[in-house]
Structure formats: C-alpha cells, structure tokens
Amino acid sequence: MSVKIYGDLGSGSLRRVTTAAKIMGVDYERVNVDLFKGESHTQEFLKLNPHGLTPVLQDGETIIWESSAINLYLAEKTNSSLVGKTVKDRYEVLQWMFWSGEQWRAFATLLFNERVAGRAMGQPEDPAIVNLVIKNIRAAAQVLDAHLADRKFIIGDELTLADIDIAAPFSQVHRSKPPFAEFPNLVAWHQRLLDTVPAWAETNRELDTRMDTFFNGIGITF
C-alpha cells in the first residue's frame, strides 16, 4: 500500500511535508482535503485526525499528523540525511524544529489567521493580536538572522528538516506580511532555498496558484 498524504495545496504545513517527501524520493499519493470547504472537519477525516487539521500521513495502519512528526517518520523510513548525518547534527535538527514550532511558526500562523484567513471570512484583524505577534516574530527573526550570518543553512552546509520547518512562514509572506525584510540574512537564506532546492520552489508555485485562485475567486487581492 502506498503512502497517502492528506492536505490542501494552499497549506504551508502540507508544503513542508510534500517538499520533504519529494527530496526523499517517497512514492506517495496526495489526497486533497479542501480546507476552504471545511473538509478537514468531516466525520471521515476526524477519524484520521480528531483535531481536524492537515496534513495527515497514512502508511498502511500507521497514521501520523503534525508535519514535523510526519517528516521525521519519512526520514527514518528512507534513512534520509535530512534528519542529520551525525548524532550531533540530529539533535541540532530536532532542537531547531522544536524551536520553530514554539517560537516561530506558531506566531506566523496567528498572523496568517488575523490577516488572511480572517479577511476571507470578512473579519477585521485585531490590532492587539497583530502587534503582539509581530513583536514575537521580530524577536525570533533576530535570533535567526544572527544564526544565519555565516551559514548557508540552519545546520551546517546542507539542507535539513530544520530548514524546511523554519522556512514555512515564507509560504504566505506576501499575504500575511511579516516583517522579514528587516532581516537580510534571513531573506538571503530563504532565497537560497528557492534557488537550490527545486522541491521547495515547486511547492511554492503550487501553493501560490491554489491561494491566488481562491482569493481571486472571492474578489480579494493582497
């Protein structure tokens, strides 16, 4: 039975998984879950993930949700160096993945919810939430910018899952408008990913097409 990955092409979280899967050469079937139509909250889907979130991986009897966990599962399944080539590297990769989830992507998601998802539902953004989120994004970006001053990638000289996790907020950068331009090393690092990691560039095009088609259809531009 082939690996199935459930998700919506407009999701930055799905993008992290499909990018990693492409790099690792995983043969998978993508099962579309239209988030704009609420398909992640159907009774059938909630049996896969009771939180009603995507992506979800199904590999035979194994079901895993949360993008980082899915990517770690695929890396072990394929013996991929994306999780790090040495024990030391592996723990550094995990360190940055956990940091990304708690100090970085969580705030990018809140900003997306306020400035993008809320707008799609006709709801004005809450300035207090936006200000708090941007304050935290700036604090984390300062750490990243300093870390990337003399590095090509987050860990050493090769792409790892840490890069994919941390790059995720750039998926919606033109819509949610975080203050990334203030941090040149961070911007240069992400451009390097687009220039040197074909799968990251490919999934970026897929995501933009999906999001632009939806928002153009409801008369919203960014």
N, C-alpha and C. Protein backbone atom coordinates (compact mmCIF):
# COMPACT_ATOMS: atom_id res chain seq x y z
N MET A 1 0.85 -1.19 0.00
CA MET A 1 0.00 0.00 0.00
C MET A 1 0.89 1.25 0.00
N SER A 2 0.56 2.19 -0.88
CA SER A 2 1.38 3.40 -0.97
C SER A 2 1.08 4.35 0.18
N VAL A 3 2.02 5.23 0.42
CA VAL A 3 1.84 6.26 1.43
C VAL A 3 0.82 7.29 0.92
N LYS A 4 -0.13 7.66 1.76
CA LYS A 4 -1.09 8.70 1.42
C LYS A 4 -0.81 9.93 2.29
N ILE A 5 -0.84 11.09 1.66
CA ILE A 5 -0.67 12.34 2.39
C ILE A 5 -1.89 13.20 2.10
N TYR A 6 -2.65 13.50 3.16
CA TYR A 6 -3.87 14.27 3.05
C TYR A 6 -3.58 15.74 3.30
N GLY A 7 -4.11 16.60 2.44
CA GLY A 7 -3.92 18.02 2.68
C GLY A 7 -4.38 18.89 1.53
N ASP A 8 -4.26 20.19 1.73
CA ASP A 8 -4.67 21.22 0.77
C ASP A 8 -3.41 21.91 0.26
N LEU A 9 -3.31 22.08 -1.06
CA LEU A 9 -2.11 22.69 -1.64
C LEU A 9 -1.86 24.11 -1.15
N GLY A 10 -2.88 24.75 -0.59
CA GLY A 10 -2.69 26.09 -0.06
C GLY A 10 -2.12 26.12 1.34
N SER A 11 -1.84 24.96 1.89
CA SER A 11 -1.35 24.86 3.27
C SER A 11 0.18 24.84 3.31
N GLY A 12 0.75 25.76 4.09
CA GLY A 12 2.19 25.74 4.29
C GLY A 12 2.65 24.51 5.04
N SER A 13 1.79 23.96 5.88
CA SER A 13 2.14 22.74 6.61
C SER A 13 2.22 21.55 5.67
N LEU A 14 1.25 21.45 4.74
CA LEU A 14 1.35 20.39 3.73
C LEU A 14 2.61 20.58 2.90
N ARG A 15 2.92 21.83 2.58
CA ARG A 15 4.10 22.11 1.76
C ARG A 15 5.37 21.56 2.39
N ARG A 16 5.48 21.69 3.70
CA ARG A 16 6.66 21.16 4.39
C ARG A 16 6.79 19.65 4.16
N VAL A 17 5.67 18.96 4.20
CA VAL A 17 5.69 17.50 4.05
C VAL A 17 5.95 17.09 2.60
N THR A 18 5.25 17.73 1.66
CA THR A 18 5.43 17.32 0.26
C THR A 18 6.83 17.69 -0.24
N THR A 19 7.36 18.80 0.25
CA THR A 19 8.74 19.16 -0.11
C THR A 19 9.71 18.08 0.36
N ALA A 20 9.61 17.71 1.63
CA ALA A 20 10.50 16.69 2.18
C ALA A 20 10.31 15.35 1.47
N ALA A 21 9.07 15.00 1.19
CA ALA A 21 8.79 13.72 0.53
C ALA A 21 9.41 13.69 -0.87
N LYS A 22 9.32 14.80 -1.59
CA LYS A 22 9.91 14.87 -2.93
C LYS A 22 11.43 14.71 -2.84
N ILE A 23 12.05 15.39 -1.89
CA ILE A 23 13.50 15.32 -1.75
C ILE A 23 13.94 13.91 -1.38
N MET A 24 13.15 13.24 -0.53
CA MET A 24 13.50 11.90 -0.08
C MET A 24 13.10 10.81 -1.08
N GLY A 25 12.44 11.21 -2.15
CA GLY A 25 12.04 10.23 -3.16
C GLY A 25 10.92 9.31 -2.70
N VAL A 26 10.06 9.79 -1.81
CA VAL A 26 8.96 8.98 -1.31
C VAL A 26 7.86 8.90 -2.37
N ASP A 27 7.42 7.70 -2.66
CA ASP A 27 6.30 7.49 -3.57
C ASP A 27 5.02 7.63 -2.77
N TYR A 28 4.29 8.72 -2.98
CA TYR A 28 3.10 8.96 -2.18
C TYR A 28 1.92 9.38 -3.06
N GLU A 29 0.74 9.17 -2.51
CA GLU A 29 -0.49 9.63 -3.14
C GLU A 29 -1.01 10.80 -2.33
N ARG A 30 -1.22 11.95 -2.98
CA ARG A 30 -1.77 13.09 -2.26
C ARG A 30 -3.28 13.05 -2.36
N VAL A 31 -3.92 13.06 -1.21
CA VAL A 31 -5.38 13.06 -1.13
C VAL A 31 -5.83 14.47 -0.78
N ASN A 32 -6.55 15.11 -1.69
CA ASN A 32 -6.92 16.50 -1.47
C ASN A 32 -7.97 16.64 -0.37
N VAL A 33 -7.71 17.58 0.53
CA VAL A 33 -8.65 17.95 1.58
C VAL A 33 -8.85 19.46 1.45
N ASP A 34 -10.00 19.87 0.96
CA ASP A 34 -10.25 21.28 0.70
C ASP A 34 -10.55 22.00 2.01
N LEU A 35 -9.60 22.75 2.50
CA LEU A 35 -9.77 23.44 3.78
C LEU A 35 -10.81 24.55 3.68
N PHE A 36 -10.92 25.17 2.51
CA PHE A 36 -11.87 26.25 2.35
C PHE A 36 -13.32 25.75 2.39
N LYS A 37 -13.49 24.48 2.11
CA LYS A 37 -14.84 23.89 2.15
C LYS A 37 -15.09 23.12 3.46
N GLY A 38 -14.13 23.18 4.37
CA GLY A 38 -14.32 22.53 5.67
C GLY A 38 -14.16 21.02 5.65
N GLU A 39 -13.47 20.50 4.64
CA GLU A 39 -13.38 19.04 4.50
C GLU A 39 -12.51 18.39 5.58
N SER A 40 -11.75 19.18 6.31
CA SER A 40 -10.95 18.59 7.39
C SER A 40 -11.78 18.37 8.66
N HIS A 41 -13.04 18.76 8.61
CA HIS A 41 -13.90 18.60 9.78
C HIS A 41 -15.05 17.63 9.52
N THR A 42 -14.95 16.87 8.44
CA THR A 42 -15.96 15.84 8.21
C THR A 42 -15.73 14.68 9.18
N GLN A 43 -16.76 13.90 9.43
CA GLN A 43 -16.63 12.76 10.34
C GLN A 43 -15.56 11.79 9.85
N GLU A 44 -15.48 11.62 8.54
CA GLU A 44 -14.50 10.69 7.98
C GLU A 44 -13.08 11.17 8.26
N PHE A 45 -12.83 12.48 8.04
CA PHE A 45 -11.48 12.98 8.25
C PHE A 45 -11.12 13.01 9.73
N LEU A 46 -12.08 13.32 10.57
CA LEU A 46 -11.80 13.39 12.01
C LEU A 46 -11.38 12.05 12.58
N LYS A 47 -11.66 10.97 11.87
CA LYS A 47 -11.17 9.66 12.29
C LYS A 47 -9.65 9.56 12.08
N LEU A 48 -9.14 10.35 11.13
CA LEU A 48 -7.69 10.38 10.88
C LEU A 48 -7.00 11.34 11.84
N ASN A 49 -7.59 12.50 12.02
CA ASN A 49 -7.03 13.48 12.95
C ASN A 49 -8.18 14.16 13.69
N PRO A 50 -8.37 13.84 14.96
CA PRO A 50 -9.50 14.40 15.71
C PRO A 50 -9.43 15.91 15.88
N HIS A 51 -8.27 16.51 15.61
CA HIS A 51 -8.13 17.95 15.70
C HIS A 51 -8.67 18.65 14.45
N GLY A 52 -8.93 17.89 13.39
CA GLY A 52 -9.43 18.48 12.16
C GLY A 52 -8.41 19.34 11.44
N LEU A 53 -7.14 18.94 11.52
CA LEU A 53 -6.06 19.68 10.89
C LEU A 53 -5.33 18.81 9.88
N THR A 54 -4.73 19.46 8.90
CA THR A 54 -3.91 18.76 7.92
C THR A 54 -2.49 19.30 8.01
N PRO A 55 -1.53 18.53 7.49
CA PRO A 55 -1.65 17.26 6.76
C PRO A 55 -1.73 16.06 7.70
N VAL A 56 -2.11 14.94 7.09
CA VAL A 56 -2.10 13.65 7.77
C VAL A 56 -1.44 12.65 6.84
N LEU A 57 -0.59 11.81 7.40
CA LEU A 57 0.03 10.73 6.65
C LEU A 57 -0.60 9.40 7.03
N GLN A 58 -0.88 8.58 6.02
CA GLN A 58 -1.37 7.22 6.26
C GLN A 58 -0.46 6.26 5.50
N ASP A 59 0.18 5.40 6.24
CA ASP A 59 1.09 4.40 5.67
C ASP A 59 0.65 3.04 6.19
N GLY A 60 -0.25 2.39 5.45
CA GLY A 60 -0.83 1.16 5.95
C GLY A 60 -1.67 1.44 7.17
N GLU A 61 -1.32 0.79 8.29
CA GLU A 61 -2.06 1.00 9.54
C GLU A 61 -1.53 2.19 10.33
N THR A 62 -0.43 2.77 9.88
CA THR A 62 0.18 3.90 10.59
C THR A 62 -0.44 5.21 10.14
N ILE A 63 -0.93 5.97 11.09
CA ILE A 63 -1.49 7.29 10.82
C ILE A 63 -0.75 8.31 11.69
N ILE A 64 -0.24 9.36 11.05
CA ILE A 64 0.53 10.39 11.77
C ILE A 64 0.05 11.75 11.33
N TRP A 65 -0.21 12.63 12.31
CA TRP A 65 -0.47 14.02 11.98
C TRP A 65 0.59 14.88 12.67
N GLU A 66 0.64 16.13 12.26
CA GLU A 66 1.69 17.11 12.58
C GLU A 66 2.85 16.95 11.59
N SER A 67 3.10 18.03 10.86
CA SER A 67 4.07 17.98 9.76
C SER A 67 5.46 17.54 10.19
N SER A 68 5.93 18.06 11.31
CA SER A 68 7.28 17.71 11.77
C SER A 68 7.38 16.22 12.09
N ALA A 69 6.35 15.67 12.73
CA ALA A 69 6.35 14.24 13.05
C ALA A 69 6.30 13.41 11.76
N ILE A 70 5.51 13.85 10.80
CA ILE A 70 5.44 13.14 9.51
C ILE A 70 6.80 13.15 8.83
N ASN A 71 7.46 14.29 8.82
CA ASN A 71 8.76 14.37 8.15
C ASN A 71 9.81 13.51 8.85
N LEU A 72 9.78 13.47 10.18
CA LEU A 72 10.71 12.61 10.90
C LEU A 72 10.43 11.14 10.60
N TYR A 73 9.16 10.79 10.50
CA TYR A 73 8.78 9.41 10.15
C TYR A 73 9.31 9.05 8.76
N LEU A 74 9.11 9.93 7.80
CA LEU A 74 9.57 9.65 6.43
C LEU A 74 11.10 9.60 6.37
N ALA A 75 11.77 10.45 7.14
CA ALA A 75 13.23 10.45 7.14
C ALA A 75 13.78 9.14 7.67
N GLU A 76 13.16 8.61 8.72
CA GLU A 76 13.60 7.31 9.25
C GLU A 76 13.25 6.18 8.29
N LYS A 77 12.10 6.29 7.65
CA LYS A 77 11.65 5.26 6.71
C LYS A 77 12.61 5.16 5.52
N THR A 78 13.15 6.29 5.10
CA THR A 78 14.02 6.33 3.92
C THR A 78 15.50 6.45 4.27
N ASN A 79 15.80 6.50 5.57
CA ASN A 79 17.19 6.70 6.01
C ASN A 79 17.78 7.96 5.40
N SER A 80 17.03 9.05 5.47
CA SER A 80 17.41 10.30 4.83
C SER A 80 18.33 11.13 5.70
N SER A 81 19.26 11.82 5.05
CA SER A 81 20.17 12.72 5.76
C SER A 81 19.49 14.03 6.13
N LEU A 82 18.23 14.23 5.72
CA LEU A 82 17.52 15.44 6.09
C LEU A 82 17.37 15.57 7.61
N VAL A 83 17.48 14.45 8.31
CA VAL A 83 17.37 14.50 9.77
C VAL A 83 18.73 14.69 10.42
N GLY A 84 19.78 14.81 9.61
CA GLY A 84 21.14 15.00 10.12
C GLY A 84 22.00 13.78 9.86
N LYS A 85 23.27 14.01 9.55
CA LYS A 85 24.17 12.91 9.20
C LYS A 85 24.84 12.30 10.42
N THR A 86 24.94 13.06 11.51
CA THR A 86 25.57 12.56 12.72
C THR A 86 24.60 12.69 13.89
N VAL A 87 24.93 12.05 14.99
CA VAL A 87 24.08 12.16 16.18
C VAL A 87 23.99 13.61 16.63
N LYS A 88 25.13 14.31 16.62
CA LYS A 88 25.15 15.72 17.00
C LYS A 88 24.23 16.53 16.08
N ASP A 89 24.36 16.30 14.77
CA ASP A 89 23.52 17.02 13.82
C ASP A 89 22.05 16.73 14.05
N ARG A 90 21.73 15.47 14.34
CA ARG A 90 20.34 15.08 14.54
C ARG A 90 19.71 15.87 15.69
N TYR A 91 20.45 15.99 16.79
CA TYR A 91 19.89 16.72 17.93
C TYR A 91 19.80 18.22 17.65
N GLU A 92 20.70 18.74 16.84
CA GLU A 92 20.58 20.14 16.45
C GLU A 92 19.37 20.35 15.55
N VAL A 93 19.15 19.42 14.64
CA VAL A 93 17.96 19.49 13.78
C VAL A 93 16.69 19.48 14.64
N LEU A 94 16.63 18.55 15.59
CA LEU A 94 15.46 18.46 16.46
C LEU A 94 15.31 19.73 17.29
N GLN A 95 16.42 20.24 17.78
CA GLN A 95 16.38 21.47 18.57
C GLN A 95 15.71 22.60 17.79
N TRP A 96 16.14 22.80 16.54
CA TRP A 96 15.60 23.89 15.74
C TRP A 96 14.17 23.61 15.29
N MET A 97 13.83 22.34 15.08
CA MET A 97 12.44 22.01 14.73
C MET A 97 11.51 22.32 15.90
N PHE A 98 11.92 21.96 17.11
CA PHE A 98 11.09 22.24 18.28
C PHE A 98 11.01 23.75 18.51
N TRP A 99 12.14 24.43 18.36
CA TRP A 99 12.16 25.89 18.49
C TRP A 99 11.21 26.53 17.48
N SER A 100 11.25 26.05 16.27
CA SER A 100 10.39 26.60 15.22
C SER A 100 8.92 26.48 15.59
N GLY A 101 8.55 25.32 16.12
CA GLY A 101 7.15 25.11 16.48
C GLY A 101 6.68 26.03 17.59
N GLU A 102 7.55 26.31 18.55
CA GLU A 102 7.14 27.08 19.73
C GLU A 102 7.40 28.58 19.61
N GLN A 103 8.49 28.95 18.94
CA GLN A 103 8.90 30.35 18.95
C GLN A 103 8.75 31.05 17.60
N TRP A 104 8.38 30.33 16.56
CA TRP A 104 8.44 30.89 15.22
C TRP A 104 7.16 30.66 14.43
N ARG A 105 6.89 29.41 14.07
CA ARG A 105 5.73 29.12 13.23
C ARG A 105 4.41 29.40 13.93
N ALA A 106 4.37 29.24 15.24
CA ALA A 106 3.12 29.49 15.96
C ALA A 106 2.67 30.94 15.77
N PHE A 107 3.61 31.86 15.80
CA PHE A 107 3.25 33.27 15.64
C PHE A 107 2.95 33.60 14.19
N ALA A 108 3.66 32.95 13.27
CA ALA A 108 3.35 33.15 11.84
C ALA A 108 1.94 32.66 11.53
N THR A 109 1.52 31.58 12.16
CA THR A 109 0.17 31.06 11.97
C THR A 109 -0.88 32.03 12.50
N LEU A 110 -0.62 32.61 13.67
CA LEU A 110 -1.54 33.60 14.22
C LEU A 110 -1.66 34.82 13.31
N LEU A 111 -0.53 35.23 12.74
CA LEU A 111 -0.57 36.38 11.83
C LEU A 111 -1.37 36.04 10.57
N PHE A 112 -1.20 34.83 10.07
CA PHE A 112 -1.98 34.38 8.91
C PHE A 112 -3.46 34.37 9.25
N ASN A 113 -3.80 33.88 10.42
CA ASN A 113 -5.20 33.82 10.82
C ASN A 113 -5.83 35.20 10.87
N GLU A 114 -5.07 36.17 11.38
CA GLU A 114 -5.60 37.52 11.51
C GLU A 114 -5.68 38.25 10.17
N ARG A 115 -4.63 38.13 9.37
CA ARG A 115 -4.54 38.96 8.18
C ARG A 115 -5.06 38.30 6.90
N VAL A 116 -5.12 36.98 6.91
CA VAL A 116 -5.50 36.27 5.69
C VAL A 116 -6.80 35.48 5.88
N ALA A 117 -6.78 34.52 6.79
CA ALA A 117 -7.97 33.71 7.00
C ALA A 117 -9.14 34.56 7.46
N GLY A 118 -8.88 35.48 8.39
CA GLY A 118 -9.94 36.34 8.88
C GLY A 118 -10.52 37.21 7.78
N ARG A 119 -9.66 37.70 6.92
CA ARG A 119 -10.13 38.54 5.81
C ARG A 119 -11.03 37.75 4.87
N ALA A 120 -10.69 36.49 4.64
CA ALA A 120 -11.51 35.64 3.78
C ALA A 120 -12.91 35.45 4.36
N MET A 121 -13.01 35.53 5.69
CA MET A 121 -14.31 35.37 6.36
C MET A 121 -14.98 36.70 6.67
N GLY A 122 -14.38 37.80 6.16
CA GLY A 122 -14.97 39.11 6.35
C GLY A 122 -14.76 39.68 7.73
N GLN A 123 -13.74 39.22 8.44
CA GLN A 123 -13.48 39.68 9.80
C GLN A 123 -12.27 40.60 9.81
N PRO A 124 -12.35 41.76 10.47
CA PRO A 124 -11.20 42.67 10.55
C PRO A 124 -10.13 42.09 11.47
N GLU A 125 -8.88 42.42 11.19
CA GLU A 125 -7.81 41.94 12.06
C GLU A 125 -7.83 42.68 13.38
N ASP A 126 -7.39 42.02 14.41
CA ASP A 126 -7.33 42.60 15.76
C ASP A 126 -5.94 43.22 15.94
N PRO A 127 -5.85 44.54 16.01
CA PRO A 127 -4.53 45.19 16.13
C PRO A 127 -3.72 44.71 17.33
N ALA A 128 -4.38 44.42 18.45
CA ALA A 128 -3.66 43.98 19.65
C ALA A 128 -2.99 42.63 19.39
N ILE A 129 -3.70 41.72 18.73
CA ILE A 129 -3.11 40.41 18.41
C ILE A 129 -1.98 40.58 17.41
N VAL A 130 -2.21 41.37 16.37
CA VAL A 130 -1.18 41.58 15.34
C VAL A 130 0.08 42.18 15.94
N ASN A 131 -0.06 43.18 16.80
CA ASN A 131 1.11 43.82 17.41
C ASN A 131 1.89 42.83 18.29
N LEU A 132 1.18 42.03 19.05
CA LEU A 132 1.84 41.03 19.90
C LEU A 132 2.57 40.00 19.05
N VAL A 133 1.91 39.55 18.00
CA VAL A 133 2.50 38.54 17.12
C VAL A 133 3.76 39.08 16.44
N ILE A 134 3.68 40.28 15.90
CA ILE A 134 4.83 40.85 15.19
C ILE A 134 5.99 41.09 16.15
N LYS A 135 5.69 41.47 17.38
CA LYS A 135 6.75 41.63 18.39
C LYS A 135 7.49 40.31 18.57
N ASN A 136 6.76 39.21 18.66
CA ASN A 136 7.39 37.90 18.85
C ASN A 136 8.10 37.42 17.59
N ILE A 137 7.55 37.72 16.43
CA ILE A 137 8.21 37.35 15.18
C ILE A 137 9.54 38.08 15.05
N ARG A 138 9.55 39.36 15.38
CA ARG A 138 10.80 40.14 15.30
C ARG A 138 11.85 39.57 16.25
N ALA A 139 11.44 39.21 17.45
CA ALA A 139 12.40 38.67 18.42
C ALA A 139 13.01 37.37 17.91
N ALA A 140 12.17 36.50 17.35
CA ALA A 140 12.68 35.23 16.81
C ALA A 140 13.53 35.46 15.57
N ALA A 141 13.10 36.39 14.71
CA ALA A 141 13.84 36.67 13.48
C ALA A 141 15.23 37.22 13.77
N GLN A 142 15.37 37.98 14.86
CA GLN A 142 16.69 38.48 15.23
C GLN A 142 17.63 37.33 15.56
N VAL A 143 17.11 36.31 16.24
CA VAL A 143 17.91 35.12 16.56
C VAL A 143 18.32 34.41 15.27
N LEU A 144 17.36 34.22 14.38
CA LEU A 144 17.65 33.54 13.12
C LEU A 144 18.64 34.33 12.27
N ASP A 145 18.44 35.63 12.20
CA ASP A 145 19.31 36.45 11.36
C ASP A 145 20.76 36.37 11.83
N ALA A 146 20.96 36.40 13.14
CA ALA A 146 22.31 36.29 13.68
C ALA A 146 22.88 34.90 13.42
N HIS A 147 22.05 33.88 13.58
CA HIS A 147 22.49 32.50 13.36
C HIS A 147 22.91 32.27 11.92
N LEU A 148 22.22 32.93 10.99
CA LEU A 148 22.47 32.71 9.56
C LEU A 148 23.52 33.65 8.98
N ALA A 149 24.14 34.45 9.81
CA ALA A 149 25.11 35.43 9.31
C ALA A 149 26.27 34.77 8.58
N ASP A 150 26.68 33.59 9.05
CA ASP A 150 27.82 32.91 8.42
C ASP A 150 27.49 31.46 8.08
N ARG A 151 26.21 31.20 7.81
CA ARG A 151 25.80 29.83 7.48
C ARG A 151 24.95 29.83 6.22
N LYS A 152 25.09 28.77 5.41
CA LYS A 152 24.25 28.61 4.24
C LYS A 152 22.89 28.04 4.61
N PHE A 153 22.90 27.15 5.61
CA PHE A 153 21.67 26.51 6.05
C PHE A 153 21.62 26.54 7.58
N ILE A 154 20.51 26.11 8.15
CA ILE A 154 20.36 26.16 9.59
C ILE A 154 21.39 25.29 10.30
N ILE A 155 21.63 24.09 9.76
CA ILE A 155 22.62 23.18 10.33
C ILE A 155 23.67 22.88 9.27
N GLY A 156 24.87 23.40 9.45
CA GLY A 156 25.97 23.08 8.53
C GLY A 156 25.76 23.61 7.13
N ASP A 157 26.24 22.85 6.15
CA ASP A 157 26.23 23.29 4.76
C ASP A 157 25.23 22.54 3.90
N GLU A 158 24.30 21.83 4.52
CA GLU A 158 23.31 21.08 3.74
C GLU A 158 21.91 21.29 4.30
N LEU A 159 20.95 21.15 3.44
CA LEU A 159 19.56 21.26 3.83
C LEU A 159 19.19 20.16 4.82
N THR A 160 18.39 20.53 5.83
CA THR A 160 17.83 19.55 6.76
C THR A 160 16.36 19.89 6.99
N LEU A 161 15.70 19.04 7.76
CA LEU A 161 14.31 19.30 8.11
C LEU A 161 14.16 20.59 8.90
N ALA A 162 15.21 21.03 9.57
CA ALA A 162 15.16 22.29 10.30
C ALA A 162 14.92 23.46 9.35
N ASP A 163 15.59 23.44 8.19
CA ASP A 163 15.37 24.50 7.19
C ASP A 163 13.93 24.49 6.72
N ILE A 164 13.40 23.32 6.43
CA ILE A 164 12.03 23.22 5.91
C ILE A 164 11.02 23.72 6.94
N ASP A 165 11.21 23.36 8.20
CA ASP A 165 10.31 23.84 9.25
C ASP A 165 10.35 25.36 9.38
N ILE A 166 11.54 25.90 9.42
CA ILE A 166 11.70 27.33 9.66
C ILE A 166 11.31 28.16 8.45
N ALA A 167 11.43 27.59 7.27
CA ALA A 167 11.06 28.32 6.05
C ALA A 167 9.55 28.40 5.84
N ALA A 168 8.78 27.61 6.56
CA ALA A 168 7.34 27.52 6.32
C ALA A 168 6.62 28.87 6.29
N PRO A 169 6.90 29.82 7.21
CA PRO A 169 6.17 31.09 7.19
C PRO A 169 6.35 31.89 5.91
N PHE A 170 7.43 31.63 5.17
CA PHE A 170 7.62 32.32 3.90
C PHE A 170 6.58 31.90 2.87
N SER A 171 5.87 30.82 3.13
CA SER A 171 4.85 30.35 2.19
C SER A 171 3.74 31.38 2.00
N GLN A 172 3.46 32.17 3.03
CA GLN A 172 2.37 33.14 2.97
C GLN A 172 2.87 34.58 3.15
N VAL A 173 4.15 34.79 2.91
CA VAL A 173 4.77 36.07 3.24
C VAL A 173 4.12 37.24 2.51
N HIS A 174 3.66 37.04 1.27
CA HIS A 174 3.08 38.14 0.51
C HIS A 174 1.65 38.44 0.94
N ARG A 175 1.07 37.52 1.72
CA ARG A 175 -0.31 37.71 2.18
C ARG A 175 -0.35 38.17 3.65
N SER A 176 0.41 37.51 4.49
CA SER A 176 0.38 37.87 5.92
C SER A 176 1.34 39.00 6.26
N LYS A 177 2.32 39.24 5.40
CA LYS A 177 3.24 40.38 5.51
C LYS A 177 3.97 40.49 6.86
N PRO A 178 4.67 39.46 7.27
CA PRO A 178 5.53 39.58 8.45
C PRO A 178 6.73 40.47 8.11
N PRO A 179 7.41 41.02 9.11
CA PRO A 179 8.49 41.98 8.85
C PRO A 179 9.84 41.32 8.52
N PHE A 180 9.82 40.32 7.66
CA PHE A 180 11.05 39.59 7.35
C PHE A 180 12.09 40.44 6.63
N ALA A 181 11.62 41.43 5.85
CA ALA A 181 12.56 42.25 5.07
C ALA A 181 13.56 42.99 5.95
N GLU A 182 13.27 43.11 7.23
CA GLU A 182 14.18 43.78 8.16
C GLU A 182 15.41 42.94 8.48
N PHE A 183 15.42 41.68 8.02
CA PHE A 183 16.45 40.73 8.43
C PHE A 183 17.12 40.13 7.18
N PRO A 184 18.16 40.78 6.67
CA PRO A 184 18.75 40.41 5.37
C PRO A 184 19.32 38.99 5.31
N ASN A 185 19.92 38.51 6.40
CA ASN A 185 20.46 37.15 6.37
C ASN A 185 19.34 36.12 6.25
N LEU A 186 18.23 36.40 6.91
CA LEU A 186 17.07 35.52 6.85
C LEU A 186 16.49 35.50 5.44
N VAL A 187 16.35 36.66 4.84
CA VAL A 187 15.82 36.75 3.48
C VAL A 187 16.74 36.05 2.48
N ALA A 188 18.05 36.26 2.63
CA ALA A 188 19.02 35.63 1.72
C ALA A 188 18.99 34.12 1.85
N TRP A 189 18.85 33.63 3.08
CA TRP A 189 18.77 32.19 3.31
C TRP A 189 17.55 31.60 2.61
N HIS A 190 16.40 32.27 2.74
CA HIS A 190 15.22 31.71 2.10
C HIS A 190 15.33 31.76 0.58
N GLN A 191 15.90 32.81 0.04
CA GLN A 191 16.11 32.86 -1.41
C GLN A 191 17.04 31.75 -1.85
N ARG A 192 18.02 31.42 -1.02
CA ARG A 192 18.93 30.31 -1.32
C ARG A 192 18.16 28.99 -1.41
N LEU A 193 17.19 28.81 -0.55
CA LEU A 193 16.37 27.60 -0.62
C LEU A 193 15.60 27.54 -1.93
N LEU A 194 15.01 28.66 -2.33
CA LEU A 194 14.27 28.69 -3.59
C LEU A 194 15.18 28.42 -4.77
N ASP A 195 16.42 28.91 -4.70
CA ASP A 195 17.36 28.77 -5.82
C ASP A 195 18.01 27.40 -5.89
N THR A 196 18.15 26.72 -4.75
CA THR A 196 18.94 25.48 -4.73
C THR A 196 18.14 24.23 -4.38
N VAL A 197 16.90 24.39 -3.96
CA VAL A 197 16.07 23.24 -3.59
C VAL A 197 14.84 23.22 -4.51
N PRO A 198 14.92 22.50 -5.64
CA PRO A 198 13.83 22.52 -6.61
C PRO A 198 12.47 22.18 -6.02
N ALA A 199 12.43 21.26 -5.06
CA ALA A 199 11.14 20.87 -4.48
C ALA A 199 10.52 22.02 -3.70
N TRP A 200 11.34 22.85 -3.06
CA TRP A 200 10.81 23.99 -2.32
C TRP A 200 10.21 25.03 -3.27
N ALA A 201 10.89 25.24 -4.39
CA ALA A 201 10.37 26.17 -5.40
C ALA A 201 9.10 25.63 -6.05
N GLU A 202 9.07 24.33 -6.29
CA GLU A 202 7.90 23.71 -6.92
C GLU A 202 6.66 23.81 -6.02
N THR A 203 6.83 23.49 -4.75
CA THR A 203 5.68 23.55 -3.84
C THR A 203 5.26 25.00 -3.59
N ASN A 204 6.19 25.93 -3.73
CA ASN A 204 5.83 27.34 -3.61
C ASN A 204 4.89 27.75 -4.73
N ARG A 205 5.20 27.30 -5.94
CA ARG A 205 4.33 27.61 -7.08
C ARG A 205 2.95 26.98 -6.90
N GLU A 206 2.93 25.75 -6.42
CA GLU A 206 1.65 25.07 -6.19
C GLU A 206 0.80 25.83 -5.18
N LEU A 207 1.44 26.25 -4.09
CA LEU A 207 0.71 26.95 -3.04
C LEU A 207 0.18 28.29 -3.55
N ASP A 208 1.03 29.04 -4.26
CA ASP A 208 0.59 30.34 -4.75
C ASP A 208 -0.57 30.21 -5.72
N THR A 209 -0.51 29.23 -6.59
CA THR A 209 -1.60 29.01 -7.55
C THR A 209 -2.90 28.72 -6.81
N ARG A 210 -2.83 27.84 -5.83
CA ARG A 210 -4.02 27.48 -5.06
C ARG A 210 -4.59 28.69 -4.32
N MET A 211 -3.74 29.43 -3.61
CA MET A 211 -4.21 30.56 -2.82
C MET A 211 -4.71 31.70 -3.71
N ASP A 212 -3.98 32.01 -4.77
CA ASP A 212 -4.38 33.10 -5.65
C ASP A 212 -5.71 32.78 -6.34
N THR A 213 -5.88 31.54 -6.75
CA THR A 213 -7.14 31.15 -7.39
C THR A 213 -8.32 31.33 -6.45
N PHE A 214 -8.13 30.91 -5.20
CA PHE A 214 -9.21 31.05 -4.23
C PHE A 214 -9.54 32.51 -3.96
N PHE A 215 -8.53 33.32 -3.64
CA PHE A 215 -8.79 34.70 -3.25
C PHE A 215 -9.27 35.55 -4.43
N ASN A 216 -8.74 35.27 -5.63
CA ASN A 216 -9.26 35.97 -6.80
C ASN A 216 -10.74 35.65 -7.02
N GLY A 217 -11.09 34.40 -6.69
CA GLY A 217 -12.47 33.97 -6.86
C GLY A 217 -13.45 34.68 -5.94
N ILE A 218 -12.95 35.18 -4.81
CA ILE A 218 -13.84 35.90 -3.88
C ILE A 218 -13.54 37.39 -3.86
N GLY A 219 -12.74 37.82 -4.85
CA GLY A 219 -12.50 39.25 -5.03
C GLY A 219 -11.56 39.90 -4.05
N ILE A 220 -10.62 39.13 -3.51
CA ILE A 220 -9.64 39.66 -2.57
C ILE A 220 -8.26 39.60 -3.17
N THR A 221 -7.54 40.70 -3.09
CA THR A 221 -6.14 40.74 -3.53
C THR A 221 -5.27 41.21 -2.39
N PHE A 222 -3.99 40.84 -2.45
CA PHE A 222 -3.05 41.20 -1.39
C PHE A 222 -1.91 42.03 -1.96
